[in-house]
N, C-alpha and C. Protein backbone atom coordinates (compact mmCIF):
# COMPACT_ATOMS: atom_id res chain seq x y z
N MET A 1 -65.10 -8.78 -23.50
CA MET A 1 -66.11 -7.92 -24.08
C MET A 1 -66.27 -6.63 -23.28
N ASN A 2 -66.12 -6.73 -21.97
CA ASN A 2 -66.27 -5.57 -21.12
C ASN A 2 -65.18 -4.53 -21.39
N LEU A 3 -63.95 -5.00 -21.60
CA LEU A 3 -62.84 -4.11 -21.89
C LEU A 3 -63.04 -3.40 -23.23
N LEU A 4 -63.54 -4.13 -24.21
CA LEU A 4 -63.81 -3.53 -25.51
C LEU A 4 -64.89 -2.46 -25.41
N LEU A 5 -65.92 -2.73 -24.63
CA LEU A 5 -67.00 -1.74 -24.44
C LEU A 5 -66.47 -0.48 -23.76
N GLN A 6 -65.58 -0.64 -22.80
CA GLN A 6 -64.98 0.52 -22.13
C GLN A 6 -64.15 1.35 -23.10
N GLU A 7 -63.39 0.69 -23.95
CA GLU A 7 -62.56 1.41 -24.91
C GLU A 7 -63.42 2.15 -25.94
N VAL A 8 -64.50 1.54 -26.38
CA VAL A 8 -65.40 2.21 -27.33
C VAL A 8 -66.05 3.41 -26.66
N PHE A 9 -66.50 3.23 -25.41
CA PHE A 9 -67.12 4.35 -24.69
C PHE A 9 -66.13 5.48 -24.49
N ALA A 10 -64.90 5.18 -24.14
CA ALA A 10 -63.88 6.22 -23.95
C ALA A 10 -63.57 6.93 -25.27
N ALA A 11 -63.53 6.18 -26.37
CA ALA A 11 -63.27 6.79 -27.67
C ALA A 11 -64.40 7.72 -28.09
N VAL A 12 -65.63 7.31 -27.83
CA VAL A 12 -66.79 8.16 -28.16
C VAL A 12 -66.77 9.42 -27.29
N LEU A 13 -66.45 9.27 -26.03
CA LEU A 13 -66.40 10.42 -25.12
C LEU A 13 -65.31 11.41 -25.53
N VAL A 14 -64.14 10.92 -25.88
CA VAL A 14 -63.05 11.79 -26.31
C VAL A 14 -63.39 12.50 -27.62
N ALA A 15 -64.02 11.78 -28.55
CA ALA A 15 -64.42 12.39 -29.81
C ALA A 15 -65.48 13.47 -29.59
N ALA A 16 -66.43 13.22 -28.70
CA ALA A 16 -67.46 14.22 -28.41
C ALA A 16 -66.85 15.47 -27.77
N CYS A 17 -65.91 15.28 -26.87
CA CYS A 17 -65.24 16.43 -26.23
C CYS A 17 -64.42 17.21 -27.24
N ALA A 18 -63.76 16.52 -28.15
CA ALA A 18 -62.97 17.20 -29.18
C ALA A 18 -63.87 18.00 -30.12
N LEU A 19 -65.00 17.44 -30.49
CA LEU A 19 -65.94 18.16 -31.35
C LEU A 19 -66.51 19.39 -30.63
N PHE A 20 -66.84 19.24 -29.37
CA PHE A 20 -67.37 20.37 -28.60
C PHE A 20 -66.32 21.47 -28.48
N SER A 21 -65.09 21.11 -28.21
CA SER A 21 -64.02 22.11 -28.09
C SER A 21 -63.78 22.82 -29.41
N ALA A 22 -63.78 22.06 -30.49
CA ALA A 22 -63.59 22.67 -31.81
C ALA A 22 -64.75 23.61 -32.13
N TRP A 23 -65.96 23.22 -31.78
CA TRP A 23 -67.13 24.07 -32.03
C TRP A 23 -67.03 25.39 -31.27
N ARG A 24 -66.63 25.31 -30.01
CA ARG A 24 -66.54 26.52 -29.19
C ARG A 24 -65.41 27.45 -29.66
N LEU A 25 -64.36 26.89 -30.24
CA LEU A 25 -63.24 27.71 -30.68
C LEU A 25 -63.43 28.26 -32.10
N MET A 26 -64.41 27.77 -32.83
CA MET A 26 -64.68 28.26 -34.19
C MET A 26 -65.24 29.67 -34.15
N SER A 27 -64.97 30.40 -35.22
CA SER A 27 -65.60 31.71 -35.35
C SER A 27 -67.06 31.52 -35.73
N LEU A 28 -67.87 32.54 -35.52
CA LEU A 28 -69.30 32.42 -35.82
C LEU A 28 -69.58 32.19 -37.31
N PRO A 29 -68.90 32.87 -38.23
CA PRO A 29 -69.15 32.56 -39.64
C PRO A 29 -68.78 31.12 -40.02
N LEU A 30 -67.72 30.59 -39.42
CA LEU A 30 -67.34 29.21 -39.70
C LEU A 30 -68.37 28.24 -39.13
N ARG A 31 -68.92 28.56 -37.96
CA ARG A 31 -69.99 27.74 -37.39
C ARG A 31 -71.20 27.71 -38.32
N LEU A 32 -71.55 28.88 -38.88
CA LEU A 32 -72.69 28.93 -39.79
C LEU A 32 -72.43 28.12 -41.06
N ARG A 33 -71.21 28.17 -41.56
CA ARG A 33 -70.88 27.37 -42.74
C ARG A 33 -70.97 25.88 -42.44
N CYS A 34 -70.52 25.47 -41.26
CA CYS A 34 -70.63 24.06 -40.87
C CYS A 34 -72.10 23.65 -40.73
N LEU A 35 -72.92 24.53 -40.16
CA LEU A 35 -74.34 24.21 -40.03
C LEU A 35 -75.02 24.12 -41.39
N ASP A 36 -74.60 24.98 -42.32
CA ASP A 36 -75.16 24.90 -43.68
C ASP A 36 -74.75 23.60 -44.35
N ALA A 37 -73.51 23.18 -44.13
CA ALA A 37 -73.05 21.92 -44.72
C ALA A 37 -73.80 20.74 -44.11
N LEU A 38 -74.04 20.79 -42.80
CA LEU A 38 -74.82 19.72 -42.17
C LEU A 38 -76.27 19.73 -42.65
N GLY A 39 -76.79 20.93 -42.90
CA GLY A 39 -78.16 21.04 -43.38
C GLY A 39 -78.34 20.50 -44.79
N ALA A 40 -77.26 20.39 -45.55
CA ALA A 40 -77.34 19.87 -46.92
C ALA A 40 -77.42 18.35 -46.95
N LEU A 41 -77.14 17.71 -45.82
CA LEU A 41 -77.23 16.24 -45.76
C LEU A 41 -78.69 15.81 -45.91
N PRO A 42 -78.93 14.66 -46.51
CA PRO A 42 -80.30 14.20 -46.68
C PRO A 42 -80.98 13.94 -45.33
N GLY A 43 -82.16 14.46 -45.18
CA GLY A 43 -82.93 14.27 -43.95
C GLY A 43 -82.58 15.23 -42.83
N ALA A 44 -81.59 16.08 -43.01
CA ALA A 44 -81.18 17.00 -41.94
C ALA A 44 -82.15 18.16 -41.78
N HIS A 45 -82.94 18.46 -42.81
CA HIS A 45 -83.86 19.58 -42.71
C HIS A 45 -84.99 19.30 -41.72
N ARG A 46 -85.16 18.03 -41.32
CA ARG A 46 -86.20 17.69 -40.36
C ARG A 46 -85.73 17.76 -38.90
N LEU A 47 -84.44 17.95 -38.68
CA LEU A 47 -83.90 17.98 -37.32
C LEU A 47 -84.16 19.33 -36.67
N ARG A 48 -84.91 19.32 -35.58
CA ARG A 48 -85.20 20.56 -34.86
C ARG A 48 -83.97 21.09 -34.14
N ALA A 49 -83.13 20.18 -33.66
CA ALA A 49 -81.93 20.59 -32.92
C ALA A 49 -80.98 21.38 -33.82
N LEU A 50 -80.87 20.99 -35.08
CA LEU A 50 -80.02 21.70 -36.02
C LEU A 50 -80.56 23.11 -36.29
N ALA A 51 -81.87 23.22 -36.42
CA ALA A 51 -82.48 24.53 -36.65
C ALA A 51 -82.33 25.42 -35.41
N ALA A 52 -82.49 24.84 -34.23
CA ALA A 52 -82.33 25.62 -33.00
C ALA A 52 -80.89 26.09 -32.82
N LEU A 53 -79.95 25.23 -33.17
CA LEU A 53 -78.54 25.60 -33.07
C LEU A 53 -78.20 26.73 -34.03
N LYS A 54 -78.78 26.68 -35.22
CA LYS A 54 -78.54 27.75 -36.19
C LYS A 54 -79.16 29.06 -35.70
N GLU A 55 -80.33 29.01 -35.10
CA GLU A 55 -80.96 30.22 -34.56
C GLU A 55 -80.10 30.83 -33.45
N ARG A 56 -79.59 30.00 -32.56
CA ARG A 56 -78.73 30.51 -31.48
C ARG A 56 -77.45 31.11 -32.02
N THR A 57 -76.89 30.50 -33.05
CA THR A 57 -75.65 31.01 -33.65
C THR A 57 -75.92 32.35 -34.34
N LEU A 58 -77.05 32.45 -35.03
CA LEU A 58 -77.40 33.72 -35.66
C LEU A 58 -77.66 34.81 -34.63
N ALA A 59 -78.24 34.44 -33.49
CA ALA A 59 -78.49 35.43 -32.44
C ALA A 59 -77.19 35.94 -31.84
N GLN A 60 -76.16 35.10 -31.81
CA GLN A 60 -74.86 35.52 -31.27
C GLN A 60 -74.17 36.53 -32.18
N LEU A 61 -74.52 36.52 -33.45
CA LEU A 61 -73.90 37.47 -34.38
C LEU A 61 -74.28 38.91 -34.04
N GLY A 62 -75.44 39.11 -33.45
CA GLY A 62 -75.89 40.46 -33.13
C GLY A 62 -75.29 41.04 -31.88
N SER A 63 -74.73 40.19 -31.01
CA SER A 63 -74.17 40.71 -29.76
C SER A 63 -72.75 41.21 -29.99
N GLY A 64 -72.38 42.23 -29.27
CA GLY A 64 -71.05 42.81 -29.44
C GLY A 64 -70.05 42.26 -28.45
N CYS A 65 -68.79 42.38 -28.79
CA CYS A 65 -67.72 41.98 -27.88
C CYS A 65 -66.84 43.21 -27.63
N ALA A 66 -65.76 43.05 -26.96
CA ALA A 66 -64.91 44.18 -26.63
C ALA A 66 -64.20 44.74 -27.86
N GLY A 67 -64.16 43.99 -28.94
CA GLY A 67 -63.43 44.41 -30.12
C GLY A 67 -64.26 45.18 -31.13
N CYS A 68 -65.54 45.40 -30.88
CA CYS A 68 -66.37 46.07 -31.87
C CYS A 68 -67.08 47.28 -31.26
N GLY A 69 -67.86 47.94 -32.05
CA GLY A 69 -68.54 49.15 -31.61
C GLY A 69 -69.68 48.90 -30.65
N GLY A 70 -70.19 47.68 -30.57
CA GLY A 70 -71.30 47.38 -29.67
C GLY A 70 -70.93 47.59 -28.21
N ALA A 71 -69.73 47.18 -27.85
CA ALA A 71 -69.27 47.34 -26.47
C ALA A 71 -68.99 48.80 -26.16
N ALA A 72 -68.51 49.56 -27.14
CA ALA A 72 -68.21 50.98 -26.92
C ALA A 72 -69.49 51.76 -26.65
N SER A 73 -70.56 51.45 -27.37
CA SER A 73 -71.80 52.16 -27.13
C SER A 73 -72.37 51.79 -25.78
N HIS A 74 -72.17 50.53 -25.33
CA HIS A 74 -72.64 50.12 -24.02
C HIS A 74 -71.88 50.88 -22.93
N ALA A 75 -70.56 51.05 -23.10
CA ALA A 75 -69.77 51.78 -22.12
C ALA A 75 -70.17 53.25 -22.08
N ALA A 76 -70.50 53.81 -23.24
CA ALA A 76 -70.94 55.21 -23.27
C ALA A 76 -72.27 55.37 -22.57
N GLN A 77 -73.15 54.39 -22.70
CA GLN A 77 -74.45 54.46 -22.03
C GLN A 77 -74.28 54.37 -20.52
N SER A 78 -73.35 53.53 -20.05
CA SER A 78 -73.17 53.41 -18.62
C SER A 78 -72.53 54.67 -18.05
N ARG A 79 -71.68 55.35 -18.83
CA ARG A 79 -71.12 56.62 -18.36
C ARG A 79 -72.18 57.70 -18.35
N ALA A 80 -73.13 57.63 -19.28
CA ALA A 80 -74.18 58.63 -19.32
C ALA A 80 -75.09 58.50 -18.10
N ALA A 81 -75.15 57.32 -17.49
CA ALA A 81 -75.99 57.13 -16.31
C ALA A 81 -75.40 57.88 -15.12
N THR A 82 -74.07 58.01 -15.05
CA THR A 82 -73.41 58.79 -14.00
C THR A 82 -72.58 59.88 -14.67
N PRO A 83 -73.18 61.05 -14.93
CA PRO A 83 -72.54 62.06 -15.76
C PRO A 83 -71.21 62.59 -15.24
N GLY A 84 -71.01 62.69 -13.94
CA GLY A 84 -69.77 63.27 -13.43
C GLY A 84 -68.68 62.26 -13.20
N ALA A 85 -68.93 61.01 -13.44
CA ALA A 85 -67.95 59.97 -13.16
C ALA A 85 -66.93 59.89 -14.28
N ILE A 86 -65.67 59.62 -13.91
CA ILE A 86 -64.61 59.47 -14.89
C ILE A 86 -64.68 58.07 -15.49
N GLY A 87 -64.87 57.07 -14.65
CA GLY A 87 -64.98 55.70 -15.11
C GLY A 87 -66.24 55.06 -14.54
N ARG A 88 -66.50 53.85 -14.95
CA ARG A 88 -67.69 53.17 -14.46
C ARG A 88 -67.59 52.84 -12.98
N ASN A 89 -66.38 52.67 -12.47
CA ASN A 89 -66.20 52.27 -11.08
C ASN A 89 -66.12 53.45 -10.13
N GLN A 90 -66.23 54.65 -10.63
CA GLN A 90 -66.14 55.83 -9.77
C GLN A 90 -67.48 56.55 -9.74
N THR A 91 -67.78 57.11 -8.61
CA THR A 91 -68.99 57.91 -8.48
C THR A 91 -68.57 59.37 -8.55
N PRO A 92 -69.47 60.27 -8.93
CA PRO A 92 -69.11 61.68 -9.00
C PRO A 92 -68.65 62.22 -7.64
N GLY A 93 -67.54 62.89 -7.65
CA GLY A 93 -67.02 63.50 -6.42
C GLY A 93 -66.25 62.54 -5.54
N ALA A 94 -66.08 61.32 -5.91
CA ALA A 94 -65.36 60.36 -5.08
C ALA A 94 -63.86 60.53 -5.25
N LEU A 95 -63.10 60.14 -4.24
CA LEU A 95 -61.65 60.20 -4.32
C LEU A 95 -61.15 59.16 -5.32
N ARG A 96 -60.00 59.47 -5.93
CA ARG A 96 -59.40 58.52 -6.85
C ARG A 96 -58.82 57.34 -6.08
N ARG A 97 -58.86 56.20 -6.70
CA ARG A 97 -58.31 54.99 -6.05
C ARG A 97 -56.85 54.84 -6.38
């Protein structure tokens, strides 16, 4: 019985890790579609964890990455803080590296 319990525990652990990895690798729109599908299950509208997960996923949609305009505006703002600098790592009047 002990060996069977260990195998069940290992299978549950591997399945949980696989689900977590798949979740992290999904795009944000696909995550939202999965959450909507889970929300359609009976009784799922009462789960606070599902609602909190959806809120966090929606909040991530507003943040920018290096591939969109959000990061470009952030870089422009940091350059505006040091007007004479060529890059963010240089100060005005400093020698080139």
